[in-house]
């Protein structure tokens, strides 16, 4: 999940008037569209942050950070519900201090993977935020996503997860903070490219998403108290993101199982080239 903080110069003067007017003009239809876009692109390997930035750029709107946070809360709810049995097993293993069972080992892999994610996200936060204003940068990032998706099809996909693969997947998730680099595509793609089985790659990707999205939301938690956006628009975006996220997550699982995730590379290349050229 990317972050797009408001700059200090937008906090007063004409900038405040423009920002306030923009927020008021965010209609229910626009909120629902952005919610659907977030839900679909969060799990399908096409980058939700990239698509939200593109949509807001060409629709000439600037949704507040709080709105983006609400959309990501919806997708967080989706993945927690989908992985609820796995999460319960991991918590049980944690309580027993059992790190040798499959759930205990998975907890270890999530911790290992979360370390580089947090380090990269915090170290390059300013750079990633700046990318939201550049359609060319997002286009280039989409090409990176396409390359990862192609690489994912080259992995043998028969090996079990280990600390090394978990760490590489965590690095991929950290890089995916950049708008245009798909989090699901990068994590599942790199895990598969390193030889991890498809089912293991999906499980690790989904579980890594939970602390990553939750951590990003905590960084922007203060914005929820002063969003300036109508409650109806927030609710519409949340529900749309929740429904679309559930459908797209289930679709992703089926696509990966059938070895078709790399198909999205064509879409990412096409959109990426358009953004670079125009």
Protein backbone atom coordinates (compact mmCIF):
# COMPACT_ATOMS: atom_id res chain seq x y z
CA UNK A 1 0.00 0.00 0.00
CA UNK A 2 1.39 3.36 -1.01
CA UNK A 3 1.08 6.61 0.87
CA UNK A 4 0.37 10.10 -0.42
CA UNK A 5 0.71 12.64 2.35
CA UNK A 6 -0.46 16.24 2.00
CA UNK A 7 2.34 18.76 1.77
CA UNK A 8 2.68 21.62 4.31
CA UNK A 9 2.12 24.23 1.60
CA UNK A 10 -1.39 22.83 1.05
CA UNK A 11 -2.40 23.47 4.64
CA UNK A 12 -3.29 27.15 4.24
CA UNK A 13 -4.12 29.86 1.76
CA UNK A 14 -5.58 29.13 -1.73
CA UNK A 15 -4.47 25.50 -1.46
CA UNK A 16 -6.90 24.94 1.41
CA UNK A 17 -9.81 26.32 -0.64
CA UNK A 18 -8.96 24.15 -3.64
CA UNK A 19 -8.53 21.03 -1.51
CA UNK A 20 -11.77 21.63 0.41
CA UNK A 21 -13.72 22.19 -2.81
CA UNK A 22 -12.28 19.03 -4.29
CA UNK A 23 -13.22 16.93 -1.28
CA UNK A 24 -16.79 18.25 -1.26
CA UNK A 25 -17.10 17.42 -4.97
CA UNK A 26 -16.22 13.75 -4.39
CA UNK A 27 -19.59 12.25 -5.27
CA UNK A 28 -21.01 8.91 -4.22
CA UNK A 29 -20.47 7.61 -7.74
CA UNK A 30 -16.81 8.67 -7.71
CA UNK A 31 -16.33 7.17 -4.25
CA UNK A 32 -17.86 3.87 -5.38
CA UNK A 33 -15.74 3.83 -8.54
CA UNK A 34 -12.53 4.40 -6.56
CA UNK A 35 -13.63 1.74 -4.05
CA UNK A 36 -14.21 -0.82 -6.80
CA UNK A 37 -10.90 0.09 -8.39
CA UNK A 38 -9.09 -0.39 -5.06
CA UNK A 39 -10.80 -3.69 -4.36
CA UNK A 40 -10.10 -5.15 -7.79
CA UNK A 41 -6.54 -3.89 -8.17
CA UNK A 42 -5.46 -4.70 -4.60
CA UNK A 43 -5.50 -8.42 -5.32
CA UNK A 44 -5.27 -8.73 -9.09
CA UNK A 45 -1.61 -8.07 -10.02
CA UNK A 46 -2.08 -4.61 -11.54
CA UNK A 47 -1.33 -2.26 -8.55
CA UNK A 48 -4.16 -0.62 -6.63
CA UNK A 49 -2.14 2.44 -5.62
CA UNK A 50 -1.07 2.95 -9.22
CA UNK A 51 -4.62 2.72 -10.52
CA UNK A 52 -5.98 5.01 -7.83
CA UNK A 53 -3.34 7.61 -8.70
CA UNK A 54 -4.09 7.29 -12.42
CA UNK A 55 -7.85 7.54 -11.89
CA UNK A 56 -7.61 10.58 -9.64
CA UNK A 57 -5.19 12.26 -12.04
CA UNK A 58 -7.38 11.90 -15.11
CA UNK A 59 -10.64 12.48 -13.21
CA UNK A 60 -9.10 15.68 -11.82
CA UNK A 61 -9.96 14.86 -8.21
CA UNK A 62 -7.86 14.66 -5.05
CA UNK A 63 -9.38 12.28 -2.54
CA UNK A 64 -8.04 12.85 0.99
CA UNK A 65 -5.61 10.40 2.55
CA UNK A 66 -8.37 9.34 4.97
CA UNK A 67 -10.44 8.07 2.04
CA UNK A 68 -7.55 5.93 0.80
CA UNK A 69 -7.11 4.61 4.34
CA UNK A 70 -10.77 3.57 4.46
CA UNK A 71 -10.44 1.74 1.15
CA UNK A 72 -7.43 -0.16 2.45
CA UNK A 73 -9.24 -1.00 5.69
CA UNK A 74 -11.83 -2.72 3.50
CA UNK A 75 -9.23 -4.83 1.71
CA UNK A 76 -7.59 -5.61 5.05
CA UNK A 77 -10.92 -6.93 6.34
CA UNK A 78 -11.20 -9.07 3.21
CA UNK A 79 -7.83 -10.79 3.62
CA UNK A 80 -8.26 -11.30 7.37
CA UNK A 81 -11.62 -12.97 6.82
CA UNK A 82 -10.29 -15.10 3.95
CA UNK A 83 -7.28 -16.23 6.00
CA UNK A 84 -9.13 -16.48 9.33
CA UNK A 85 -8.45 -20.21 9.84
CA UNK A 86 -4.78 -19.78 9.00
CA UNK A 87 -4.52 -16.79 11.33
CA UNK A 88 -6.21 -18.71 14.15
CA UNK A 89 -3.75 -21.59 13.72
CA UNK A 90 -0.81 -19.18 13.74
CA UNK A 91 -2.04 -17.47 16.92
CA UNK A 92 -2.51 -20.86 18.55
CA UNK A 93 1.06 -21.84 17.63
CA UNK A 94 2.31 -18.51 18.98
CA UNK A 95 0.57 -19.06 22.31
CA UNK A 96 2.20 -22.49 22.56
CA UNK A 97 5.54 -21.08 21.37
CA UNK A 98 5.47 -23.75 18.71
CA UNK A 99 7.60 -22.60 15.79
CA UNK A 100 8.20 -26.03 14.28
CA UNK A 101 4.66 -26.84 13.17
CA UNK A 102 3.48 -25.53 9.76
CA UNK A 103 1.55 -22.59 11.34
CA UNK A 104 4.53 -21.78 13.57
CA UNK A 105 6.93 -21.86 10.65
CA UNK A 106 4.61 -19.63 8.64
CA UNK A 107 4.60 -17.10 11.49
CA UNK A 108 8.39 -17.08 11.34
CA UNK A 109 8.29 -16.47 7.59
CA UNK A 110 5.83 -13.59 8.01
CA UNK A 111 8.11 -11.97 10.59
CA UNK A 112 11.17 -12.45 8.36
CA UNK A 113 9.34 -11.04 5.36
CA UNK A 114 7.91 -8.06 7.24
CA UNK A 115 11.35 -6.78 8.27
CA UNK A 116 12.58 -5.75 4.79
CA UNK A 117 9.08 -4.53 3.92
CA UNK A 118 9.09 -2.07 6.82
CA UNK A 119 12.71 -1.03 6.23
CA UNK A 120 12.19 -0.27 2.52
CA UNK A 121 8.82 1.39 3.06
CA UNK A 122 10.17 3.78 5.68
CA UNK A 123 13.54 4.44 4.03
CA UNK A 124 12.06 5.31 0.63
CA UNK A 125 8.74 6.75 1.75
CA UNK A 126 9.40 10.22 0.34
CA UNK A 127 10.46 8.80 -3.02
CA UNK A 128 7.37 6.58 -3.26
CA UNK A 129 5.09 9.50 -2.31
CA UNK A 130 6.64 11.65 -5.03
CA UNK A 131 5.84 8.98 -7.62
CA UNK A 132 2.09 9.58 -7.17
CA UNK A 133 2.42 12.85 -9.07
CA UNK A 134 4.27 11.31 -12.03
CA UNK A 135 2.29 9.22 -14.51
CA UNK A 136 5.58 8.34 -16.24
CA UNK A 137 7.00 6.94 -13.01
CA UNK A 138 3.85 4.89 -12.47
CA UNK A 139 4.10 3.67 -16.06
CA UNK A 140 7.68 2.52 -15.49
CA UNK A 141 6.63 0.79 -12.28
CA UNK A 142 3.90 -1.09 -14.17
CA UNK A 143 6.57 -2.39 -16.52
CA UNK A 144 8.46 -3.66 -13.47
CA UNK A 145 5.29 -5.47 -12.41
CA UNK A 146 5.02 -7.02 -15.87
CA UNK A 147 8.62 -8.26 -15.68
CA UNK A 148 7.94 -9.87 -12.27
CA UNK A 149 4.81 -11.56 -13.58
CA UNK A 150 6.73 -13.01 -16.51
CA UNK A 151 9.51 -14.18 -14.17
CA UNK A 152 6.92 -15.91 -11.97
CA UNK A 153 6.07 -18.27 -14.81
CA UNK A 154 9.71 -19.41 -15.00
CA UNK A 155 9.88 -20.79 -11.45
CA UNK A 156 9.55 -24.54 -10.94
CA UNK A 157 7.10 -23.97 -8.09
CA UNK A 158 7.80 -27.20 -6.20
CA UNK A 159 9.94 -26.11 -3.25
CA UNK A 160 8.83 -25.32 0.28
CA UNK A 161 9.13 -21.90 1.82
CA UNK A 162 12.23 -21.07 3.82
CA UNK A 163 13.72 -17.99 5.43
CA UNK A 164 15.53 -16.92 2.25
CA UNK A 165 12.40 -17.01 0.10
CA UNK A 166 10.41 -15.23 2.81
CA UNK A 167 13.02 -12.46 2.97
CA UNK A 168 13.03 -12.05 -0.83
CA UNK A 169 9.24 -11.87 -0.81
CA UNK A 170 9.40 -9.22 1.91
CA UNK A 171 11.80 -7.16 -0.23
CA UNK A 172 9.34 -7.44 -3.12
CA UNK A 173 6.53 -6.20 -0.88
CA UNK A 174 8.64 -3.26 0.26
CA UNK A 175 9.32 -2.24 -3.35
CA UNK A 176 5.59 -2.61 -4.06
CA UNK A 177 4.92 0.45 -1.88
CA UNK A 178 5.75 2.31 -5.09
CA UNK A 179 2.56 3.08 -7.05
CA UNK A 180 2.51 0.90 -10.15
CA UNK A 181 4.29 -2.06 -8.59
CA UNK A 182 1.60 -4.59 -7.67
CA UNK A 183 1.90 -5.91 -4.13
CA UNK A 184 0.17 -9.20 -4.89
CA UNK A 185 2.01 -9.56 -8.20
CA UNK A 186 5.41 -8.77 -6.67
CA UNK A 187 5.07 -11.01 -3.61
CA UNK A 188 3.50 -14.01 -5.31
CA UNK A 189 5.65 -13.53 -8.40
CA UNK A 190 8.97 -13.36 -6.55
CA UNK A 191 8.04 -16.27 -4.29
CA UNK A 192 7.17 -18.40 -7.32
CA UNK A 193 10.21 -17.23 -9.28
CA UNK A 194 12.38 -18.37 -6.36
CA UNK A 195 10.84 -21.83 -6.63
CA UNK A 196 8.10 -21.74 -3.99
CA UNK A 197 4.96 -23.75 -4.67
CA UNK A 198 1.97 -21.71 -5.84
CA UNK A 199 -0.14 -22.45 -2.78
CA UNK A 200 2.70 -21.50 -0.43
CA UNK A 201 3.36 -18.30 -2.38
CA UNK A 202 -0.29 -17.26 -2.11
CA UNK A 203 -0.47 -17.99 1.62
CA UNK A 204 2.69 -16.03 2.36
CA UNK A 205 1.58 -13.13 0.17
CA UNK A 206 -1.81 -12.83 1.87
CA UNK A 207 -0.38 -13.15 5.37
CA UNK A 208 2.36 -10.60 4.65
CA UNK A 209 -0.32 -8.19 3.45
CA UNK A 210 -1.90 -8.01 6.90
CA UNK A 211 0.96 -6.34 8.84
CA UNK A 212 1.94 -4.32 5.76
CA UNK A 213 -1.50 -2.79 5.21
CA UNK A 214 -2.10 -2.38 8.95
CA UNK A 215 1.27 -0.66 9.39
CA UNK A 216 0.64 1.71 6.49
CA UNK A 217 -2.76 2.60 7.94
CA UNK A 218 -1.22 3.38 11.32
CA UNK A 219 1.14 5.85 9.66
CA UNK A 220 -1.87 7.71 8.26
CA UNK A 221 -4.24 7.16 11.23
CA UNK A 222 -4.21 10.82 12.16
CA UNK A 223 -5.81 11.77 8.85
CA UNK A 224 -9.04 9.92 9.69
CA UNK A 225 -10.03 12.54 12.25
CA UNK A 226 -9.86 15.39 9.73
CA UNK A 227 -10.86 13.95 6.39
CA UNK A 228 -13.40 16.61 5.44
CA UNK A 229 -15.26 14.10 3.29
CA UNK A 230 -18.94 13.20 3.64
CA UNK A 231 -19.68 10.07 5.67
CA UNK A 232 -21.86 8.77 2.82
CA UNK A 233 -18.97 8.90 0.37
CA UNK A 234 -16.65 7.18 2.86
CA UNK A 235 -19.21 4.42 3.43
CA UNK A 236 -19.86 3.98 -0.29
CA UNK A 237 -16.15 3.63 -1.03
CA UNK A 238 -15.65 1.21 1.85
CA UNK A 239 -18.52 -1.10 0.83
CA UNK A 240 -17.50 -1.03 -2.84
CA UNK A 241 -13.90 -1.86 -1.96
CA UNK A 242 -15.01 -4.63 0.39
CA UNK A 243 -17.21 -6.35 -2.20
CA UNK A 244 -14.81 -5.92 -5.12
CA UNK A 245 -11.87 -6.98 -2.96
CA UNK A 246 -13.54 -10.24 -1.94
CA UNK A 247 -14.35 -11.15 -5.55
CA UNK A 248 -10.91 -10.21 -6.90
CA UNK A 249 -9.08 -12.10 -4.12
CA UNK A 250 -10.97 -15.29 -4.93
CA UNK A 251 -10.32 -14.70 -8.64
CA UNK A 252 -6.60 -14.29 -7.98
CA UNK A 253 -6.43 -17.62 -6.13
CA UNK A 254 -8.01 -19.39 -9.11
CA UNK A 255 -5.75 -17.63 -11.62
CA UNK A 256 -2.58 -18.52 -9.72
CA UNK A 257 -3.72 -22.13 -9.30
CA UNK A 258 -4.18 -22.38 -13.06
CA UNK A 259 -0.85 -20.68 -13.79
CA UNK A 260 -2.46 -17.68 -15.46
CA UNK A 261 -1.21 -14.80 -13.32
CA UNK A 262 1.40 -13.91 -15.96
CA UNK A 263 -1.43 -13.01 -18.34
CA UNK A 264 -1.71 -9.67 -16.55
CA UNK A 265 1.78 -8.78 -17.78
CA UNK A 266 0.23 -7.86 -21.14
CA UNK A 267 -2.14 -5.41 -19.47
CA UNK A 268 0.63 -3.88 -17.33
CA UNK A 269 2.88 -3.46 -20.37
CA UNK A 270 0.12 -1.82 -22.39
CA UNK A 271 -0.91 0.61 -19.65
CA UNK A 272 2.69 1.29 -18.68
CA UNK A 273 3.66 2.17 -22.25
CA UNK A 274 0.64 4.46 -22.63
CA UNK A 275 1.58 6.37 -19.50
CA UNK A 276 5.21 6.68 -20.64
CA UNK A 277 4.26 7.87 -24.12
CA UNK A 278 1.33 10.17 -23.29
